[in-house]
Each structure stands twice: as C-alpha cells, then as structure tokens.
Amino acid sequence: MNWKIKIKDIITNKKMKIEGFYEKEYMDFHTGTYKVIDQKFYVKISIVYNDGTIIVGGLVKGKVERPCDRCLEMSILELNGTIEGIYDLKSEPNFKDSEIDNLKNVIYYKGEEIDLEERIVEALVVSAPDVFYCKEDCKGLCPFCGENLNKNPNHSCAEKEKYEKELLDSKFGKLLALKKKLNGNS
C-alpha cells in the first residue's frame, strides 16, 4: 500500500480515514532487527485538515519475533503503537521555540504530499520495549553453563562448583570464604 497522501486531497476532503496493512518482512528497532509475523502490521489512521494544519492520529498493531532478554528463546512480541502528528502548512519554524514544538510533535511542512510511513515506523519504534521477556516469570539462563532454566528448572550446575573451586584458589578465594562464612555455609 502507498502511504503517501496528497495534501490537496486532504484540504479538499477535510477528513480522511485510511485502513490497511503496512507490509514489512523485517523491522529495525533500537534493540535489533526482528522478523515481522505475517509480514504486515495493521494500520488505521484518521486525518483532519483545519485552517492550515493537518492532524494525523491512529494506531498500528502487529507482532514481531524477538529473542527473550533472559533466556534468549525466540518469542512473539505484540506491538500496539499510537500514530500521531501535526503538520503545520502555513507557519515557519521559530528556532527559539523549536525545542518546545518538538515536544508537541509539530512538523513544519512544505510539499505536495505527506508520507505516513514515517509516522507508522515512529509509532512502532516508540511502542517497542527496551527489555522483553518471553513470559513474566522467565527464569533465564544458568550464568555458569548457559542451560535454559525454563526447560530445566531443577538444574544443578557442575560448572558452578568448578567455578567456585577456581575462585577459592584465586585471589578472590578469601572473599568467597568470608561470604560463605557470613551466610552460614562454612
């Protein structure tokens, strides 16, 4: 679907609604590039023109495949983004107030068409969490051998004992012994 809308059509109609799918095989986020489930996001946008200003609002929904930040298993992340933007067609930016205007999401615009893909991508990126867990109680990986503790919750790691023995023999051995003594594990 073409997400470019002619400004003259918006001015003529005063209101527009657009509904469709934003098709993408992979999506880049600040935490990585992830595969889009079904290769599309559902998008619903309302556009209103009033006195030299175009107001864009809507939503974008979809799913990506992303590794869990604790256990590294591939999981489904649901995204629900809010699309928003105000295009000011008649004003020039006041650079003294431009920092404040950026907080209002005002875009000073001169041109013949608006590319809504920018707003869609912005909504998806903003809705993506920095940290993602496959489930709320994900146990993660054993810090010694990398065993997935969700699949093997009763895991007893031989690597941990080996690590502690090596640590006892190193310069940190006295600290480990003190820690065990304080915890009552003589």
N, C-alpha and C. Protein backbone atom coordinates (compact mmCIF):
# COMPACT_ATOMS: atom_id res chain seq x y z
N MET A 1 0.85 -1.19 0.00
CA MET A 1 0.00 0.00 0.00
C MET A 1 0.89 1.24 0.00
N ASN A 2 0.49 2.23 -0.75
CA ASN A 2 1.22 3.50 -0.79
C ASN A 2 0.74 4.39 0.35
N TRP A 3 1.66 4.80 1.20
CA TRP A 3 1.32 5.60 2.37
C TRP A 3 1.53 7.09 2.14
N LYS A 4 1.72 7.50 0.88
CA LYS A 4 1.86 8.92 0.55
C LYS A 4 0.49 9.49 0.19
N ILE A 5 0.15 10.59 0.86
CA ILE A 5 -1.14 11.23 0.67
C ILE A 5 -0.92 12.64 0.13
N LYS A 6 -1.64 12.98 -0.91
CA LYS A 6 -1.52 14.33 -1.49
C LYS A 6 -2.21 15.35 -0.58
N ILE A 7 -1.52 16.44 -0.31
CA ILE A 7 -2.05 17.48 0.58
C ILE A 7 -3.31 18.09 -0.01
N LYS A 8 -3.36 18.29 -1.33
CA LYS A 8 -4.56 18.89 -1.93
C LYS A 8 -5.80 18.01 -1.71
N ASP A 9 -5.62 16.67 -1.67
CA ASP A 9 -6.75 15.77 -1.39
C ASP A 9 -7.23 15.93 0.05
N ILE A 10 -6.28 16.11 0.97
CA ILE A 10 -6.64 16.30 2.38
C ILE A 10 -7.40 17.62 2.56
N ILE A 11 -6.90 18.68 1.92
CA ILE A 11 -7.54 20.01 2.03
C ILE A 11 -8.95 19.96 1.43
N THR A 12 -9.11 19.30 0.30
CA THR A 12 -10.40 19.20 -0.37
C THR A 12 -11.41 18.40 0.46
N ASN A 13 -11.00 17.27 0.99
CA ASN A 13 -11.91 16.38 1.72
C ASN A 13 -12.11 16.76 3.18
N LYS A 14 -11.20 17.53 3.75
CA LYS A 14 -11.22 17.95 5.17
C LYS A 14 -10.96 16.79 6.13
N LYS A 15 -11.51 15.60 5.84
CA LYS A 15 -11.30 14.43 6.70
C LYS A 15 -11.02 13.22 5.81
N MET A 16 -10.14 12.36 6.30
CA MET A 16 -9.85 11.11 5.59
C MET A 16 -9.61 10.01 6.60
N LYS A 17 -10.00 8.83 6.25
CA LYS A 17 -9.68 7.64 7.05
C LYS A 17 -8.97 6.66 6.14
N ILE A 18 -7.90 6.09 6.67
CA ILE A 18 -7.13 5.12 5.90
C ILE A 18 -6.96 3.88 6.78
N GLU A 19 -7.24 2.74 6.20
CA GLU A 19 -7.09 1.48 6.91
C GLU A 19 -6.44 0.50 5.97
N GLY A 20 -5.43 -0.20 6.47
CA GLY A 20 -4.75 -1.16 5.61
C GLY A 20 -3.61 -1.84 6.34
N PHE A 21 -2.71 -2.41 5.57
CA PHE A 21 -1.59 -3.13 6.14
C PHE A 21 -0.27 -2.52 5.69
N TYR A 22 0.60 -2.29 6.66
CA TYR A 22 1.95 -1.83 6.38
C TYR A 22 2.79 -3.10 6.26
N GLU A 23 3.25 -3.38 5.06
CA GLU A 23 3.94 -4.64 4.80
C GLU A 23 5.44 -4.49 4.94
N LYS A 24 6.00 -5.40 5.73
CA LYS A 24 7.42 -5.38 6.02
C LYS A 24 7.83 -6.80 6.38
N GLU A 25 8.95 -7.27 5.87
CA GLU A 25 9.43 -8.61 6.23
C GLU A 25 10.21 -8.55 7.54
N TYR A 26 11.05 -7.52 7.67
CA TYR A 26 11.83 -7.30 8.89
C TYR A 26 11.68 -5.86 9.31
N MET A 27 11.79 -5.61 10.61
CA MET A 27 11.64 -4.25 11.14
C MET A 27 12.84 -3.93 12.02
N ASP A 28 13.42 -2.75 11.81
CA ASP A 28 14.55 -2.30 12.62
C ASP A 28 14.05 -1.53 13.83
N PHE A 29 14.55 -1.93 15.00
CA PHE A 29 14.25 -1.24 16.26
C PHE A 29 15.57 -0.87 16.91
N HIS A 30 15.50 -0.11 17.98
CA HIS A 30 16.72 0.30 18.67
C HIS A 30 17.40 -0.88 19.37
N THR A 31 16.72 -2.01 19.51
CA THR A 31 17.29 -3.19 20.15
C THR A 31 17.69 -4.27 19.16
N GLY A 32 17.41 -4.07 17.88
CA GLY A 32 17.78 -5.04 16.86
C GLY A 32 16.80 -5.06 15.70
N THR A 33 17.03 -5.98 14.78
CA THR A 33 16.16 -6.17 13.62
C THR A 33 15.41 -7.48 13.82
N TYR A 34 14.07 -7.42 13.70
CA TYR A 34 13.24 -8.58 14.00
C TYR A 34 12.32 -8.91 12.84
N LYS A 35 12.00 -10.21 12.72
CA LYS A 35 11.10 -10.69 11.69
C LYS A 35 9.66 -10.31 12.06
N VAL A 36 8.94 -9.77 11.09
CA VAL A 36 7.53 -9.39 11.29
C VAL A 36 6.66 -10.62 11.02
N ILE A 37 5.81 -10.95 11.98
CA ILE A 37 4.90 -12.09 11.84
C ILE A 37 3.86 -11.75 10.77
N ASP A 38 3.63 -12.65 9.85
CA ASP A 38 2.72 -12.47 8.71
C ASP A 38 3.16 -11.33 7.78
N GLN A 39 4.35 -10.79 8.01
CA GLN A 39 4.95 -9.74 7.17
C GLN A 39 4.07 -8.51 7.00
N LYS A 40 3.28 -8.17 8.06
CA LYS A 40 2.46 -6.97 7.96
C LYS A 40 2.01 -6.49 9.33
N PHE A 41 1.72 -5.19 9.39
CA PHE A 41 1.14 -4.55 10.57
C PHE A 41 -0.19 -3.94 10.15
N TYR A 42 -1.19 -4.07 11.00
CA TYR A 42 -2.49 -3.46 10.74
C TYR A 42 -2.41 -1.98 11.10
N VAL A 43 -2.89 -1.11 10.21
CA VAL A 43 -2.82 0.34 10.42
C VAL A 43 -4.20 0.96 10.20
N LYS A 44 -4.57 1.86 11.12
CA LYS A 44 -5.82 2.62 10.99
C LYS A 44 -5.47 4.08 11.32
N ILE A 45 -5.69 4.97 10.35
CA ILE A 45 -5.31 6.37 10.50
C ILE A 45 -6.48 7.28 10.17
N SER A 46 -6.65 8.34 10.97
CA SER A 46 -7.60 9.42 10.68
C SER A 46 -6.80 10.68 10.41
N ILE A 47 -7.21 11.41 9.39
CA ILE A 47 -6.53 12.65 9.02
C ILE A 47 -7.59 13.75 8.95
N VAL A 48 -7.30 14.89 9.60
CA VAL A 48 -8.23 16.02 9.61
C VAL A 48 -7.47 17.27 9.21
N TYR A 49 -8.07 18.07 8.33
CA TYR A 49 -7.49 19.36 7.93
C TYR A 49 -8.33 20.48 8.55
N ASN A 50 -7.63 21.45 9.16
CA ASN A 50 -8.31 22.60 9.74
C ASN A 50 -7.38 23.80 9.73
N ASP A 51 -7.71 24.81 8.96
CA ASP A 51 -7.02 26.10 8.99
C ASP A 51 -5.50 25.99 8.88
N GLY A 52 -5.04 25.32 7.84
CA GLY A 52 -3.60 25.25 7.60
C GLY A 52 -2.87 24.20 8.41
N THR A 53 -3.60 23.37 9.12
CA THR A 53 -2.98 22.33 9.93
C THR A 53 -3.60 20.98 9.59
N ILE A 54 -2.75 19.99 9.43
CA ILE A 54 -3.20 18.62 9.20
C ILE A 54 -2.87 17.83 10.46
N ILE A 55 -3.90 17.21 11.03
CA ILE A 55 -3.73 16.41 12.24
C ILE A 55 -3.88 14.94 11.86
N VAL A 56 -2.87 14.17 12.22
CA VAL A 56 -2.84 12.74 11.91
C VAL A 56 -2.88 11.96 13.22
N GLY A 57 -3.77 11.00 13.32
CA GLY A 57 -3.86 10.15 14.50
C GLY A 57 -4.29 8.75 14.10
N GLY A 58 -3.88 7.78 14.89
CA GLY A 58 -4.29 6.42 14.57
C GLY A 58 -3.54 5.40 15.40
N LEU A 59 -3.60 4.17 14.90
CA LEU A 59 -2.94 3.08 15.61
C LEU A 59 -2.30 2.13 14.62
N VAL A 60 -1.32 1.40 15.13
CA VAL A 60 -0.66 0.35 14.35
C VAL A 60 -0.47 -0.84 15.28
N LYS A 61 -0.83 -2.03 14.78
CA LYS A 61 -0.74 -3.25 15.57
C LYS A 61 -0.05 -4.32 14.77
N GLY A 62 0.69 -5.14 15.47
CA GLY A 62 1.34 -6.26 14.81
C GLY A 62 2.22 -7.03 15.76
N LYS A 63 2.89 -8.04 15.23
CA LYS A 63 3.74 -8.90 16.05
C LYS A 63 5.08 -9.09 15.35
N VAL A 64 6.12 -9.16 16.18
CA VAL A 64 7.45 -9.47 15.67
C VAL A 64 8.02 -10.64 16.47
N GLU A 65 8.95 -11.34 15.87
CA GLU A 65 9.63 -12.43 16.54
C GLU A 65 10.92 -11.86 17.12
N ARG A 66 11.06 -11.97 18.44
CA ARG A 66 12.21 -11.37 19.12
C ARG A 66 12.73 -12.31 20.20
N PRO A 67 14.05 -12.37 20.39
CA PRO A 67 14.56 -13.23 21.47
C PRO A 67 14.28 -12.61 22.84
N CYS A 68 13.97 -13.49 23.79
CA CYS A 68 13.76 -13.07 25.18
C CYS A 68 15.10 -12.56 25.72
N ASP A 69 15.07 -11.49 26.49
CA ASP A 69 16.30 -10.93 27.04
C ASP A 69 16.86 -11.72 28.23
N ARG A 70 16.10 -12.69 28.72
CA ARG A 70 16.60 -13.54 29.82
C ARG A 70 17.07 -14.90 29.34
N CYS A 71 16.23 -15.59 28.54
CA CYS A 71 16.55 -16.96 28.14
C CYS A 71 16.98 -17.08 26.68
N LEU A 72 16.86 -16.04 25.92
CA LEU A 72 17.26 -15.96 24.51
C LEU A 72 16.42 -16.82 23.56
N GLU A 73 15.31 -17.39 24.05
CA GLU A 73 14.40 -18.15 23.18
C GLU A 73 13.60 -17.16 22.33
N MET A 74 13.38 -17.52 21.06
CA MET A 74 12.57 -16.68 20.20
C MET A 74 11.12 -16.70 20.69
N SER A 75 10.53 -15.52 20.80
CA SER A 75 9.17 -15.36 21.31
C SER A 75 8.45 -14.31 20.49
N ILE A 76 7.15 -14.24 20.67
CA ILE A 76 6.33 -13.27 19.94
C ILE A 76 6.13 -12.02 20.80
N LEU A 77 6.48 -10.88 20.23
CA LEU A 77 6.27 -9.59 20.89
C LEU A 77 5.14 -8.88 20.16
N GLU A 78 4.07 -8.56 20.89
CA GLU A 78 2.95 -7.82 20.31
C GLU A 78 3.22 -6.33 20.46
N LEU A 79 3.04 -5.60 19.37
CA LEU A 79 3.24 -4.15 19.37
C LEU A 79 1.92 -3.45 19.11
N ASN A 80 1.64 -2.42 19.88
CA ASN A 80 0.46 -1.57 19.71
C ASN A 80 0.95 -0.13 19.79
N GLY A 81 1.11 0.49 18.65
CA GLY A 81 1.63 1.85 18.61
C GLY A 81 0.56 2.88 18.33
N THR A 82 0.81 4.09 18.82
CA THR A 82 -0.09 5.22 18.58
C THR A 82 0.55 6.14 17.54
N ILE A 83 -0.17 6.35 16.47
CA ILE A 83 0.31 7.23 15.40
C ILE A 83 -0.21 8.63 15.68
N GLU A 84 0.70 9.61 15.65
CA GLU A 84 0.28 10.99 15.88
C GLU A 84 1.23 11.95 15.19
N GLY A 85 0.68 13.05 14.75
CA GLY A 85 1.48 14.09 14.13
C GLY A 85 0.63 15.27 13.76
N ILE A 86 1.23 16.43 13.85
CA ILE A 86 0.56 17.67 13.46
C ILE A 86 1.44 18.33 12.40
N TYR A 87 0.90 18.50 11.21
CA TYR A 87 1.63 19.13 10.12
C TYR A 87 1.14 20.57 9.98
N ASP A 88 2.02 21.50 10.23
CA ASP A 88 1.70 22.93 10.10
C ASP A 88 2.13 23.37 8.71
N LEU A 89 1.14 23.72 7.88
CA LEU A 89 1.42 24.06 6.48
C LEU A 89 1.66 25.54 6.25
N LYS A 90 1.31 26.38 7.23
CA LYS A 90 1.36 27.82 6.98
C LYS A 90 2.43 28.55 7.78
N SER A 91 3.01 27.94 8.77
CA SER A 91 3.98 28.64 9.61
C SER A 91 5.40 28.22 9.27
N GLU A 92 6.30 29.09 9.60
CA GLU A 92 7.72 28.79 9.54
C GLU A 92 8.18 28.49 10.95
N PRO A 93 9.12 27.60 11.11
CA PRO A 93 9.57 27.29 12.47
C PRO A 93 10.27 28.47 13.13
N ASN A 94 9.98 28.66 14.39
CA ASN A 94 10.67 29.65 15.22
C ASN A 94 11.73 28.88 15.98
N PHE A 95 13.00 29.08 15.62
CA PHE A 95 14.05 28.25 16.18
C PHE A 95 14.24 28.47 17.67
N LYS A 96 13.78 29.58 18.21
CA LYS A 96 13.83 29.79 19.65
C LYS A 96 12.89 28.83 20.36
N ASP A 97 11.74 28.56 19.75
CA ASP A 97 10.74 27.70 20.34
C ASP A 97 10.75 26.29 19.75
N SER A 98 11.72 25.99 18.87
CA SER A 98 11.68 24.71 18.17
C SER A 98 11.81 23.52 19.12
N GLU A 99 12.55 23.67 20.22
CA GLU A 99 12.67 22.57 21.18
C GLU A 99 11.31 22.28 21.82
N ILE A 100 10.57 23.29 22.15
CA ILE A 100 9.23 23.11 22.73
C ILE A 100 8.28 22.54 21.69
N ASP A 101 8.36 23.00 20.45
CA ASP A 101 7.49 22.49 19.40
C ASP A 101 7.75 21.01 19.12
N ASN A 102 9.01 20.58 19.24
CA ASN A 102 9.31 19.16 19.03
C ASN A 102 8.57 18.29 20.03
N LEU A 103 8.37 18.80 21.24
CA LEU A 103 7.62 18.06 22.24
C LEU A 103 6.15 17.96 21.87
N LYS A 104 5.66 18.91 21.11
CA LYS A 104 4.26 18.91 20.68
C LYS A 104 4.06 18.07 19.43
N ASN A 105 5.14 17.53 18.86
CA ASN A 105 5.10 16.73 17.64
C ASN A 105 4.56 17.54 16.45
N VAL A 106 4.94 18.82 16.37
CA VAL A 106 4.54 19.68 15.26
C VAL A 106 5.61 19.57 14.17
N ILE A 107 5.16 19.32 12.94
CA ILE A 107 6.05 19.20 11.81
C ILE A 107 5.73 20.35 10.87
N TYR A 108 6.70 21.25 10.68
CA TYR A 108 6.52 22.35 9.73
C TYR A 108 6.77 21.76 8.35
N TYR A 109 5.79 21.95 7.48
CA TYR A 109 5.82 21.18 6.25
C TYR A 109 5.55 22.03 5.03
N LYS A 110 6.38 21.85 4.05
CA LYS A 110 6.18 22.44 2.72
C LYS A 110 6.36 21.30 1.72
N GLY A 111 5.39 21.06 0.93
CA GLY A 111 5.46 19.98 -0.05
C GLY A 111 4.09 19.66 -0.59
N GLU A 112 4.04 18.67 -1.47
CA GLU A 112 2.79 18.32 -2.12
C GLU A 112 2.13 17.08 -1.53
N GLU A 113 2.90 16.28 -0.82
CA GLU A 113 2.33 15.08 -0.22
C GLU A 113 3.01 14.77 1.11
N ILE A 114 2.28 14.02 1.93
CA ILE A 114 2.78 13.60 3.24
C ILE A 114 3.00 12.10 3.19
N ASP A 115 4.17 11.66 3.65
CA ASP A 115 4.47 10.24 3.70
C ASP A 115 4.14 9.72 5.10
N LEU A 116 3.03 9.00 5.21
CA LEU A 116 2.58 8.48 6.51
C LEU A 116 3.43 7.32 7.02
N GLU A 117 4.25 6.74 6.15
CA GLU A 117 5.12 5.64 6.57
C GLU A 117 6.04 6.09 7.71
N GLU A 118 6.49 7.34 7.69
CA GLU A 118 7.34 7.87 8.75
C GLU A 118 6.62 7.82 10.10
N ARG A 119 5.35 8.19 10.12
CA ARG A 119 4.58 8.16 11.37
C ARG A 119 4.32 6.71 11.84
N ILE A 120 4.12 5.81 10.88
CA ILE A 120 3.88 4.39 11.22
C ILE A 120 5.13 3.79 11.87
N VAL A 121 6.27 4.00 11.24
CA VAL A 121 7.54 3.47 11.77
C VAL A 121 7.83 4.09 13.13
N GLU A 122 7.61 5.40 13.26
CA GLU A 122 7.81 6.08 14.54
C GLU A 122 6.96 5.45 15.65
N ALA A 123 5.70 5.18 15.36
CA ALA A 123 4.79 4.58 16.35
C ALA A 123 5.25 3.18 16.75
N LEU A 124 5.73 2.41 15.80
CA LEU A 124 6.20 1.06 16.11
C LEU A 124 7.47 1.10 16.96
N VAL A 125 8.41 1.94 16.59
CA VAL A 125 9.68 2.03 17.33
C VAL A 125 9.44 2.51 18.76
N VAL A 126 8.57 3.50 18.92
CA VAL A 126 8.29 4.03 20.26
C VAL A 126 7.57 2.99 21.12
N SER A 127 6.76 2.14 20.51
CA SER A 127 5.99 1.16 21.29
C SER A 127 6.82 -0.07 21.68
N ALA A 128 7.98 -0.25 21.06
CA ALA A 128 8.80 -1.44 21.36
C ALA A 128 9.54 -1.25 22.69
N PRO A 129 9.46 -2.24 23.57
CA PRO A 129 10.15 -2.12 24.86
C PRO A 129 11.65 -2.30 24.72
N ASP A 130 12.39 -1.71 25.64
CA ASP A 130 13.84 -1.90 25.66
C ASP A 130 14.19 -3.31 26.11
N VAL A 131 13.43 -3.83 27.06
CA VAL A 131 13.66 -5.16 27.61
C VAL A 131 12.40 -5.99 27.38
N PHE A 132 12.59 -7.22 26.92
CA PHE A 132 11.46 -8.09 26.60
C PHE A 132 11.70 -9.47 27.19
N TYR A 133 10.69 -10.00 27.88
CA TYR A 133 10.75 -11.35 28.43
C TYR A 133 9.68 -12.21 27.77
N CYS A 134 10.01 -13.45 27.50
CA CYS A 134 9.06 -14.36 26.85
C CYS A 134 7.83 -14.58 27.71
N LYS A 135 8.03 -14.55 29.02
CA LYS A 135 6.93 -14.62 29.98
C LYS A 135 7.38 -13.91 31.25
N GLU A 136 6.43 -13.49 32.04
CA GLU A 136 6.72 -12.68 33.22
C GLU A 136 7.68 -13.38 34.18
N ASP A 137 7.53 -14.69 34.34
CA ASP A 137 8.36 -15.42 35.30
C ASP A 137 9.50 -16.19 34.64
N CYS A 138 10.01 -15.69 33.53
CA CYS A 138 11.12 -16.34 32.83
C CYS A 138 12.31 -16.46 33.78
N LYS A 139 12.88 -17.64 33.84
CA LYS A 139 13.98 -17.91 34.76
C LYS A 139 15.35 -17.62 34.15
N GLY A 140 15.40 -17.47 32.84
CA GLY A 140 16.65 -17.12 32.18
C GLY A 140 17.59 -18.30 31.99
N LEU A 141 18.87 -17.98 31.90
CA LEU A 141 19.91 -18.97 31.66
C LEU A 141 20.79 -19.13 32.90
N CYS A 142 21.34 -20.32 33.07
CA CYS A 142 22.32 -20.54 34.13
C CYS A 142 23.53 -19.67 33.82
N PRO A 143 23.99 -18.86 34.77
CA PRO A 143 25.11 -17.96 34.49
C PRO A 143 26.45 -18.69 34.33
N PHE A 144 26.48 -19.99 34.63
CA PHE A 144 27.73 -20.73 34.55
C PHE A 144 27.85 -21.56 33.29
N CYS A 145 26.74 -22.22 32.89
CA CYS A 145 26.84 -23.10 31.72
C CYS A 145 25.89 -22.71 30.58
N GLY A 146 24.93 -21.81 30.84
CA GLY A 146 24.02 -21.37 29.79
C GLY A 146 22.78 -22.22 29.62
N GLU A 147 22.54 -23.18 30.50
CA GLU A 147 21.34 -24.02 30.44
C GLU A 147 20.09 -23.15 30.61
N ASN A 148 19.07 -23.42 29.79
CA ASN A 148 17.80 -22.69 29.90
C ASN A 148 17.06 -23.19 31.13
N LEU A 149 16.90 -22.34 32.13
CA LEU A 149 16.27 -22.73 33.40
C LEU A 149 14.76 -22.87 33.29
N ASN A 150 14.15 -22.38 32.21
CA ASN A 150 12.72 -22.62 31.98
C ASN A 150 12.49 -24.07 31.58
N LYS A 151 13.40 -24.63 30.80
CA LYS A 151 13.27 -26.02 30.33
C LYS A 151 13.77 -27.01 31.38
N ASN A 152 14.69 -26.57 32.22
CA ASN A 152 15.25 -27.45 33.24
C ASN A 152 15.32 -26.69 34.57
N PRO A 153 14.17 -26.52 35.25
CA PRO A 153 14.14 -25.70 36.47
C PRO A 153 14.91 -26.29 37.65
N ASN A 154 15.16 -27.61 37.65
CA ASN A 154 15.88 -28.25 38.74
C ASN A 154 17.36 -28.42 38.41
N HIS A 155 17.86 -27.62 37.52
CA HIS A 155 19.24 -27.70 37.04
C HIS A 155 20.23 -27.50 38.19
N SER A 156 21.17 -28.41 38.29
CA SER A 156 22.27 -28.30 39.26
C SER A 156 23.54 -28.27 38.44
N CYS A 157 24.25 -27.20 38.53
CA CYS A 157 25.34 -26.96 37.59
C CYS A 157 26.70 -27.41 38.15
N ALA A 158 27.33 -28.32 37.42
CA ALA A 158 28.68 -28.75 37.78
C ALA A 158 29.67 -27.63 37.52
N GLU A 159 29.37 -26.80 36.54
CA GLU A 159 30.26 -25.67 36.21
C GLU A 159 30.34 -24.68 37.37
N LYS A 160 29.25 -24.55 38.14
CA LYS A 160 29.24 -23.62 39.27
C LYS A 160 30.24 -24.08 40.33
N GLU A 161 30.23 -25.39 40.63
CA GLU A 161 31.17 -25.92 41.61
C GLU A 161 32.61 -25.76 41.13
N LYS A 162 32.84 -26.01 39.86
CA LYS A 162 34.17 -25.85 39.27
C LYS A 162 34.61 -24.38 39.36
N TYR A 163 33.69 -23.49 39.05
CA TYR A 163 33.97 -22.05 39.10
C TYR A 163 34.32 -21.63 40.54
N GLU A 164 33.52 -22.10 41.52
CA GLU A 164 33.77 -21.73 42.91
C GLU A 164 35.10 -22.28 43.40
N LYS A 165 35.48 -23.50 42.95
CA LYS A 165 36.77 -24.07 43.34
C LYS A 165 37.90 -23.23 42.76
N GLU A 166 37.77 -22.83 41.47
CA GLU A 166 38.79 -21.98 40.86
C GLU A 166 38.86 -20.63 41.57
N LEU A 167 37.72 -20.14 41.97
CA LEU A 167 37.67 -18.86 42.67
C LEU A 167 38.34 -18.96 44.04
N LEU A 168 38.13 -20.09 44.72
CA LEU A 168 38.77 -20.32 46.02
C LEU A 168 40.29 -20.33 45.89
N ASP A 169 40.77 -20.87 44.78
CA ASP A 169 42.20 -20.95 44.55
C ASP A 169 42.79 -19.62 44.07
N SER A 170 41.93 -18.67 43.68
CA SER A 170 42.42 -17.39 43.17
C SER A 170 42.51 -16.36 44.29
N LYS A 171 42.86 -15.15 43.93
CA LYS A 171 43.00 -14.08 44.92
C LYS A 171 41.65 -13.70 45.55
N PHE A 172 40.54 -14.12 44.93
CA PHE A 172 39.23 -13.81 45.48
C PHE A 172 38.73 -14.91 46.42
N GLY A 173 39.54 -15.94 46.62
CA GLY A 173 39.14 -17.06 47.46
C GLY A 173 38.81 -16.67 48.88
N LYS A 174 39.60 -15.78 49.44
CA LYS A 174 39.35 -15.34 50.82
C LYS A 174 38.02 -14.59 50.93
N LEU A 175 37.68 -13.81 49.91
CA LEU A 175 36.39 -13.10 49.91
C LEU A 175 35.23 -14.09 49.82
N LEU A 176 35.37 -15.10 48.96
CA LEU A 176 34.32 -16.11 48.82
C LEU A 176 34.15 -16.89 50.13
N ALA A 177 35.27 -17.24 50.76
CA ALA A 177 35.20 -17.95 52.03
C ALA A 177 34.51 -17.09 53.09
N LEU A 178 34.82 -15.80 53.12
CA LEU A 178 34.18 -14.88 54.06
C LEU A 178 32.67 -14.78 53.79
N LYS A 179 32.32 -14.72 52.52
CA LYS A 179 30.90 -14.65 52.15
C LYS A 179 30.16 -15.90 52.62
N LYS A 180 30.76 -17.07 52.38
CA LYS A 180 30.13 -18.32 52.81
C LYS A 180 30.00 -18.37 54.33
N LYS A 181 31.02 -17.87 55.03
CA LYS A 181 31.00 -17.88 56.49
C LYS A 181 29.88 -16.97 57.01
N LEU A 182 29.74 -15.79 56.38
CA LEU A 182 28.69 -14.84 56.80
C LEU A 182 27.29 -15.38 56.50
N ASN A 183 27.17 -16.15 55.43
CA ASN A 183 25.88 -16.73 55.06
C ASN A 183 25.59 -18.03 55.80
N GLY A 184 26.55 -18.48 56.60
CA GLY A 184 26.34 -19.71 57.36
C GLY A 184 26.62 -20.97 56.58
N ASN A 185 27.35 -20.86 55.48
CA ASN A 185 27.67 -22.02 54.65
C ASN A 185 29.13 -22.43 54.84
N SER A 186 29.60 -22.59 56.01
CA SER A 186 31.01 -22.84 56.29
C SER A 186 31.63 -23.83 55.39
